Amino acid sequence: MSTAIAVFHGAFGRVCLYSMDKKMAPHGHREGHLIFHVAGPAGQMVTEDRSSPISPGQAVAVSPWQAHYYEPLDYSAPTLALVLYIRPGWFLEVARQVSASMRFGRPGIEVTDHLARLVAETARVMLDHDMDDPLLEDRLCTLTQAAYDQSWQWTEKGSSFTGPTGAAPDFRIRNAVRLIQRNLGGEFELNFIAREVGLSRPHFYKLFRNQIGLTPNLYLNALRMERAIEQLSATQAPVSDIGLDLGFSSQASFSRFFISNGVVPPSNYRRSVQSIDAAATF
């Protein structure tokens, strides 16, 4: 079973050391996402139907709200991976380019010797709870910046490209997003949301996917995962109560959802979480 070896939360977002041996469901999240191979067999990340290897020398970058899922290539042993979920706001503050966005130019990242050393050092610190690591945020910043810069090299936009300026979503999609956000734990149908914003079901799904980057279902799941992670890491509420508050009928159904969207069981995730402040005082 996939397990969380260590999870750090901080101003940067989350950094997780996962032992992964299961295929995930397609999902997305608002953070920029980087996956580095640490040990074990290679795997792959499927990003919008394109497969990219997670292996020695190869990492994967996923832009915010980009649909993706992890898939093992060898089920005989788990893959140990360093997984970063970088908050766009934090990256914009620390990025060298003032106008940088969190969108990556391409998913495939070559892990240079420099990046490999940063990944190995971060994993080593996360495995050793007695080690003080005041440079963790600096290292995560360097990893993210290097992956971002490299992702735009050899593209049509060029290495100097600092991200697109996207148009604001259609007002009907903005209204739909607000309705979904207000009803994370409620019993409602996305068809009802479509009617409320004045769109047919096919038009609503197509427009939502084009403007947000995910289908309405995946967007709803992403928000539920965010709320679940927040509750698991910041409160002592029982796992069953967290699931019920998010609209799941039982702890088992909530756990299945969390595993398929977040790699590991919710109870395992909670046991592994440490804040960056706590991590600095080991």
Protein backbone atom coordinates (compact mmCIF):
# COMPACT_ATOMS: atom_id res chain seq x y z
CA MET A 1 0.00 0.00 0.00
CA SER A 2 1.23 3.51 -0.76
CA THR A 3 2.39 5.37 2.34
CA ALA A 4 3.47 8.85 3.37
CA ILE A 5 6.98 8.67 4.85
CA ALA A 6 7.07 12.37 5.75
CA VAL A 7 5.00 15.45 4.93
CA PHE A 8 6.06 19.06 5.61
CA HIS A 9 3.62 21.96 5.38
CA GLY A 10 4.82 25.56 5.17
CA ALA A 11 4.50 28.89 3.38
CA PHE A 12 5.70 27.16 0.20
CA GLY A 13 2.83 24.66 0.24
CA ARG A 14 3.59 20.98 0.87
CA VAL A 15 6.52 18.69 0.29
CA CYS A 16 5.91 14.96 0.66
CA LEU A 17 8.07 11.86 0.64
CA TYR A 18 5.80 9.14 -0.70
CA SER A 19 6.29 5.42 -1.15
CA MET A 20 3.94 4.76 -4.07
CA ASP A 21 2.73 1.46 -5.50
CA LYS A 22 -0.78 2.25 -6.75
CA LYS A 23 -2.27 3.96 -9.75
CA MET A 24 -4.08 7.19 -8.94
CA ALA A 25 -7.31 8.58 -10.33
CA PRO A 26 -7.13 11.60 -12.65
CA HIS A 27 -7.13 14.74 -10.51
CA GLY A 28 -5.79 18.27 -10.26
CA HIS A 29 -4.98 20.97 -7.71
CA ARG A 30 -4.28 24.67 -7.54
CA GLU A 31 -0.59 24.22 -6.66
CA GLY A 32 2.29 23.75 -9.06
CA HIS A 33 3.36 20.12 -8.82
CA LEU A 34 6.84 18.57 -9.12
CA ILE A 35 7.60 14.86 -8.78
CA PHE A 36 11.18 13.61 -8.38
CA HIS A 37 12.31 9.98 -8.32
CA VAL A 38 14.30 9.07 -5.19
CA ALA A 39 14.54 5.27 -5.20
CA GLY A 40 12.86 2.12 -6.49
CA PRO A 41 11.44 1.31 -9.92
CA ALA A 42 10.47 3.99 -12.39
CA GLY A 43 6.91 5.24 -12.71
CA GLN A 44 5.14 7.69 -14.94
CA MET A 45 2.85 10.69 -14.71
CA VAL A 46 0.10 11.00 -17.28
CA THR A 47 -0.66 14.66 -17.88
CA GLU A 48 -3.57 15.37 -20.20
CA ASP A 49 -3.04 11.99 -21.94
CA ARG A 50 0.72 12.48 -22.29
CA SER A 51 3.01 10.13 -20.33
CA SER A 52 6.24 11.42 -18.76
CA PRO A 53 8.73 9.21 -16.88
CA ILE A 54 9.50 9.53 -13.17
CA SER A 55 12.86 7.84 -13.05
CA PRO A 56 16.53 8.49 -12.25
CA GLY A 57 17.37 11.60 -14.25
CA GLN A 58 13.75 12.40 -15.14
CA ALA A 59 11.18 14.41 -13.16
CA VAL A 60 7.74 15.71 -14.01
CA ALA A 61 6.20 19.17 -13.71
CA VAL A 62 2.43 19.69 -13.59
CA SER A 63 0.86 23.14 -13.83
CA PRO A 64 -1.93 24.29 -11.50
CA TRP A 65 -5.36 22.89 -12.43
CA GLN A 66 -3.82 20.52 -14.98
CA ALA A 67 -5.39 17.05 -14.94
CA HIS A 68 -2.90 14.25 -14.23
CA TYR A 69 -2.41 10.91 -12.52
CA TYR A 70 0.45 8.69 -11.36
CA GLU A 71 0.90 5.16 -12.67
CA PRO A 72 3.53 2.60 -11.57
CA LEU A 73 5.45 0.82 -14.30
CA ASP A 74 6.60 -2.01 -12.04
CA TYR A 75 4.27 -3.25 -9.30
CA SER A 76 6.86 -5.54 -7.72
CA ALA A 77 8.20 -2.79 -5.43
CA PRO A 78 7.14 0.73 -4.44
CA THR A 79 8.67 3.89 -5.87
CA LEU A 80 10.02 6.44 -3.40
CA ALA A 81 9.27 9.93 -4.72
CA LEU A 82 9.77 13.47 -3.50
CA VAL A 83 6.58 15.32 -4.35
CA LEU A 84 6.26 19.11 -4.20
CA TYR A 85 3.00 21.06 -4.14
CA ILE A 86 4.08 24.68 -4.57
CA ARG A 87 1.70 27.54 -3.86
CA PRO A 88 1.64 29.94 -6.82
CA GLY A 89 1.66 32.97 -4.51
CA TRP A 90 4.82 31.80 -2.75
CA PHE A 91 6.55 31.09 -6.05
CA LEU A 92 5.66 34.53 -7.41
CA GLU A 93 7.20 36.12 -4.33
CA VAL A 94 10.49 34.23 -4.56
CA ALA A 95 10.82 33.87 -8.36
CA ARG A 96 13.56 35.83 -10.06
CA GLN A 97 11.16 36.97 -12.77
CA VAL A 98 8.74 39.51 -11.36
CA SER A 99 6.11 38.54 -13.95
CA ALA A 100 6.55 34.76 -13.60
CA SER A 101 3.52 32.49 -13.46
CA MET A 102 3.27 28.98 -12.03
CA ARG A 103 2.53 27.40 -15.39
CA PHE A 104 5.26 25.07 -16.66
CA GLY A 105 6.25 25.02 -20.32
CA ARG A 106 6.41 21.21 -20.60
CA PRO A 107 6.03 18.31 -18.17
CA GLY A 108 9.40 16.59 -18.68
CA ILE A 109 12.27 17.85 -16.48
CA GLU A 110 15.85 16.64 -16.79
CA VAL A 111 17.31 16.08 -13.33
CA THR A 112 20.81 17.49 -13.58
CA ASP A 113 23.52 16.61 -11.07
CA HIS A 114 22.72 19.84 -9.22
CA LEU A 115 19.01 19.03 -8.97
CA ALA A 116 19.76 15.42 -8.00
CA ARG A 117 21.84 16.65 -5.06
CA LEU A 118 19.03 18.97 -3.92
CA VAL A 119 16.47 16.14 -4.16
CA ALA A 120 18.72 13.70 -2.28
CA GLU A 121 19.45 16.21 0.49
CA THR A 122 15.77 17.08 0.92
CA ALA A 123 14.79 13.40 1.08
CA ARG A 124 17.61 12.71 3.57
CA VAL A 125 16.41 15.47 5.87
CA MET A 126 12.80 14.31 5.69
CA LEU A 127 13.84 10.77 6.59
CA ASP A 128 15.84 11.96 9.62
CA HIS A 129 13.51 13.55 12.16
CA ASP A 130 16.45 14.55 14.34
CA MET A 131 17.98 16.78 11.67
CA ASP A 132 17.48 20.54 11.72
CA ASP A 133 17.16 21.92 8.19
CA PRO A 134 16.93 25.73 8.15
CA LEU A 135 17.63 25.73 4.40
CA LEU A 136 14.61 23.66 3.39
CA GLU A 137 12.65 26.57 1.92
CA ASP A 138 15.70 27.82 0.02
CA ARG A 139 16.24 24.35 -1.40
CA LEU A 140 12.59 24.04 -2.45
CA CYS A 141 12.80 27.46 -4.06
CA THR A 142 15.89 26.42 -6.03
CA LEU A 143 14.26 23.17 -7.14
CA THR A 144 11.09 24.91 -8.26
CA GLN A 145 12.87 27.77 -10.00
CA ALA A 146 15.23 25.43 -11.86
CA ALA A 147 12.37 23.19 -13.00
CA TYR A 148 10.34 26.22 -14.07
CA ASP A 149 13.21 27.75 -16.04
CA GLN A 150 14.09 24.46 -17.70
CA SER A 151 10.49 23.74 -18.66
CA TRP A 152 10.43 26.79 -20.90
CA GLN A 153 13.73 26.09 -22.62
CA TRP A 154 13.58 24.77 -26.17
CA THR A 155 9.93 25.73 -26.49
CA GLU A 156 8.35 28.06 -29.03
CA LYS A 157 8.05 30.70 -26.32
CA GLY A 158 11.71 30.45 -25.40
CA SER A 159 13.50 30.31 -22.08
CA SER A 160 12.71 33.96 -21.29
CA PHE A 161 8.94 33.36 -21.35
CA THR A 162 7.45 34.11 -17.93
CA GLY A 163 3.96 32.75 -18.34
CA PRO A 164 0.74 33.63 -20.11
CA THR A 165 -1.69 36.33 -19.21
CA GLY A 166 -4.96 34.49 -19.12
CA ALA A 167 -8.32 36.10 -19.71
CA ALA A 168 -10.79 36.18 -16.84
CA PRO A 169 -13.25 33.26 -16.95
CA ASP A 170 -16.74 33.75 -18.35
CA PHE A 171 -19.07 35.20 -15.68
CA ARG A 172 -21.18 32.04 -15.80
CA ILE A 173 -18.16 29.91 -14.97
CA ARG A 174 -17.20 32.31 -12.16
CA ASN A 175 -20.71 31.89 -10.76
CA ALA A 176 -20.45 28.11 -11.09
CA VAL A 177 -17.13 28.10 -9.22
CA ARG A 178 -18.68 30.10 -6.38
CA LEU A 179 -21.62 27.69 -6.16
CA ILE A 180 -19.30 24.68 -6.06
CA GLN A 181 -17.11 26.28 -3.38
CA ARG A 182 -20.14 27.00 -1.19
CA ASN A 183 -21.45 23.45 -1.39
CA LEU A 184 -18.43 21.20 -0.90
CA GLY A 185 -20.23 19.13 1.71
CA GLY A 186 -23.69 19.47 0.30
CA GLU A 187 -25.72 17.06 -1.77
CA PHE A 188 -26.08 18.66 -5.15
CA GLU A 189 -25.77 17.68 -8.79
CA LEU A 190 -23.44 19.45 -11.18
CA ASN A 191 -26.37 19.43 -13.62
CA PHE A 192 -28.11 21.72 -11.11
CA ILE A 193 -25.08 24.06 -11.19
CA ALA A 194 -25.30 24.16 -14.99
CA ARG A 195 -28.97 25.12 -14.86
CA GLU A 196 -28.32 27.74 -12.17
CA VAL A 197 -25.78 29.53 -14.36
CA GLY A 198 -27.95 29.29 -17.47
CA LEU A 199 -26.04 26.69 -19.48
CA SER A 200 -26.93 23.32 -20.93
CA ARG A 201 -25.02 20.39 -19.43
CA PRO A 202 -22.77 19.82 -22.50
CA HIS A 203 -22.01 23.55 -22.90
CA PHE A 204 -21.33 23.93 -19.18
CA TYR A 205 -18.87 21.01 -19.08
CA LYS A 206 -17.07 22.16 -22.24
CA LEU A 207 -16.82 25.81 -21.16
CA PHE A 208 -15.72 24.87 -17.63
CA ARG A 209 -13.01 22.52 -18.93
CA ASN A 210 -11.72 25.09 -21.42
CA GLN A 211 -11.55 27.94 -18.90
CA ILE A 212 -10.58 26.23 -15.65
CA GLY A 213 -8.48 23.37 -17.02
CA LEU A 214 -10.41 20.60 -15.27
CA THR A 215 -13.88 19.14 -15.65
CA PRO A 216 -16.39 20.28 -13.02
CA ASN A 217 -16.14 16.86 -11.34
CA LEU A 218 -12.35 17.02 -11.05
CA TYR A 219 -12.53 20.61 -9.83
CA LEU A 220 -15.00 19.61 -7.10
CA ASN A 221 -12.73 16.72 -6.09
CA ALA A 222 -9.73 19.08 -5.96
CA LEU A 223 -11.53 21.42 -3.56
CA ARG A 224 -12.65 18.50 -1.41
CA MET A 225 -9.04 17.26 -1.22
CA GLU A 226 -7.84 20.74 -0.23
CA ARG A 227 -10.42 20.91 2.56
CA ALA A 228 -9.61 17.39 3.70
CA ILE A 229 -5.85 18.07 3.82
CA GLU A 230 -6.45 21.29 5.73
CA GLN A 231 -8.64 19.52 8.29
CA LEU A 232 -6.30 16.54 8.65
CA SER A 233 -3.24 18.72 9.19
CA ALA A 234 -4.71 21.59 11.25
CA THR A 235 -7.36 19.92 13.44
CA GLN A 236 -7.90 16.82 15.56
CA ALA A 237 -11.32 16.13 14.08
CA PRO A 238 -11.97 12.41 13.55
CA VAL A 239 -11.36 11.22 10.01
CA SER A 240 -14.95 10.02 9.81
CA ASP A 241 -16.27 13.50 10.71
CA ILE A 242 -14.07 15.15 8.09
CA GLY A 243 -15.44 12.80 5.47
CA LEU A 244 -19.05 13.39 6.52
CA ASP A 245 -18.55 17.17 6.41
CA LEU A 246 -17.35 16.80 2.82
CA GLY A 247 -20.41 14.84 1.78
CA PHE A 248 -19.13 11.26 2.02
CA SER A 249 -21.53 8.70 3.44
CA SER A 250 -18.92 6.75 5.38
CA GLN A 251 -15.28 6.80 6.47
CA ALA A 252 -14.58 3.99 4.02
CA SER A 253 -15.87 5.97 1.03
CA PHE A 254 -13.91 9.04 2.15
CA SER A 255 -10.74 6.95 2.54
CA ARG A 256 -11.16 5.47 -0.93
CA PHE A 257 -11.56 8.97 -2.36
CA PHE A 258 -8.51 10.29 -0.49
CA ILE A 259 -6.31 7.39 -1.58
CA SER A 260 -7.29 7.63 -5.24
CA ASN A 261 -6.72 11.40 -5.29
CA GLY A 262 -3.88 11.74 -2.79
CA VAL A 263 -1.86 8.50 -2.88
CA VAL A 264 -2.18 7.49 0.79
CA PRO A 265 -4.93 6.87 3.38
CA PRO A 266 -6.07 10.00 5.29
CA SER A 267 -4.98 8.61 8.67
CA ASN A 268 -1.50 7.89 7.33
CA TYR A 269 -1.28 11.40 5.86
CA ARG A 270 -2.26 12.97 9.19
CA ARG A 271 0.37 11.00 11.13
CA SER A 272 3.10 12.14 8.74
CA VAL A 273 2.36 15.89 8.67
CA GLN A 274 4.69 18.36 10.30
CA SER A 275 4.75 22.13 9.91
CA ILE A 276 7.92 23.74 8.68
CA ASP A 277 8.22 25.55 12.04
CA ALA A 278 8.04 22.24 13.86
CA ALA A 279 10.49 20.69 11.41
CA ALA A 280 13.02 23.39 12.27
CA THR A 281 12.97 22.52 15.97
CA PHE A 282 13.70 18.78 15.85
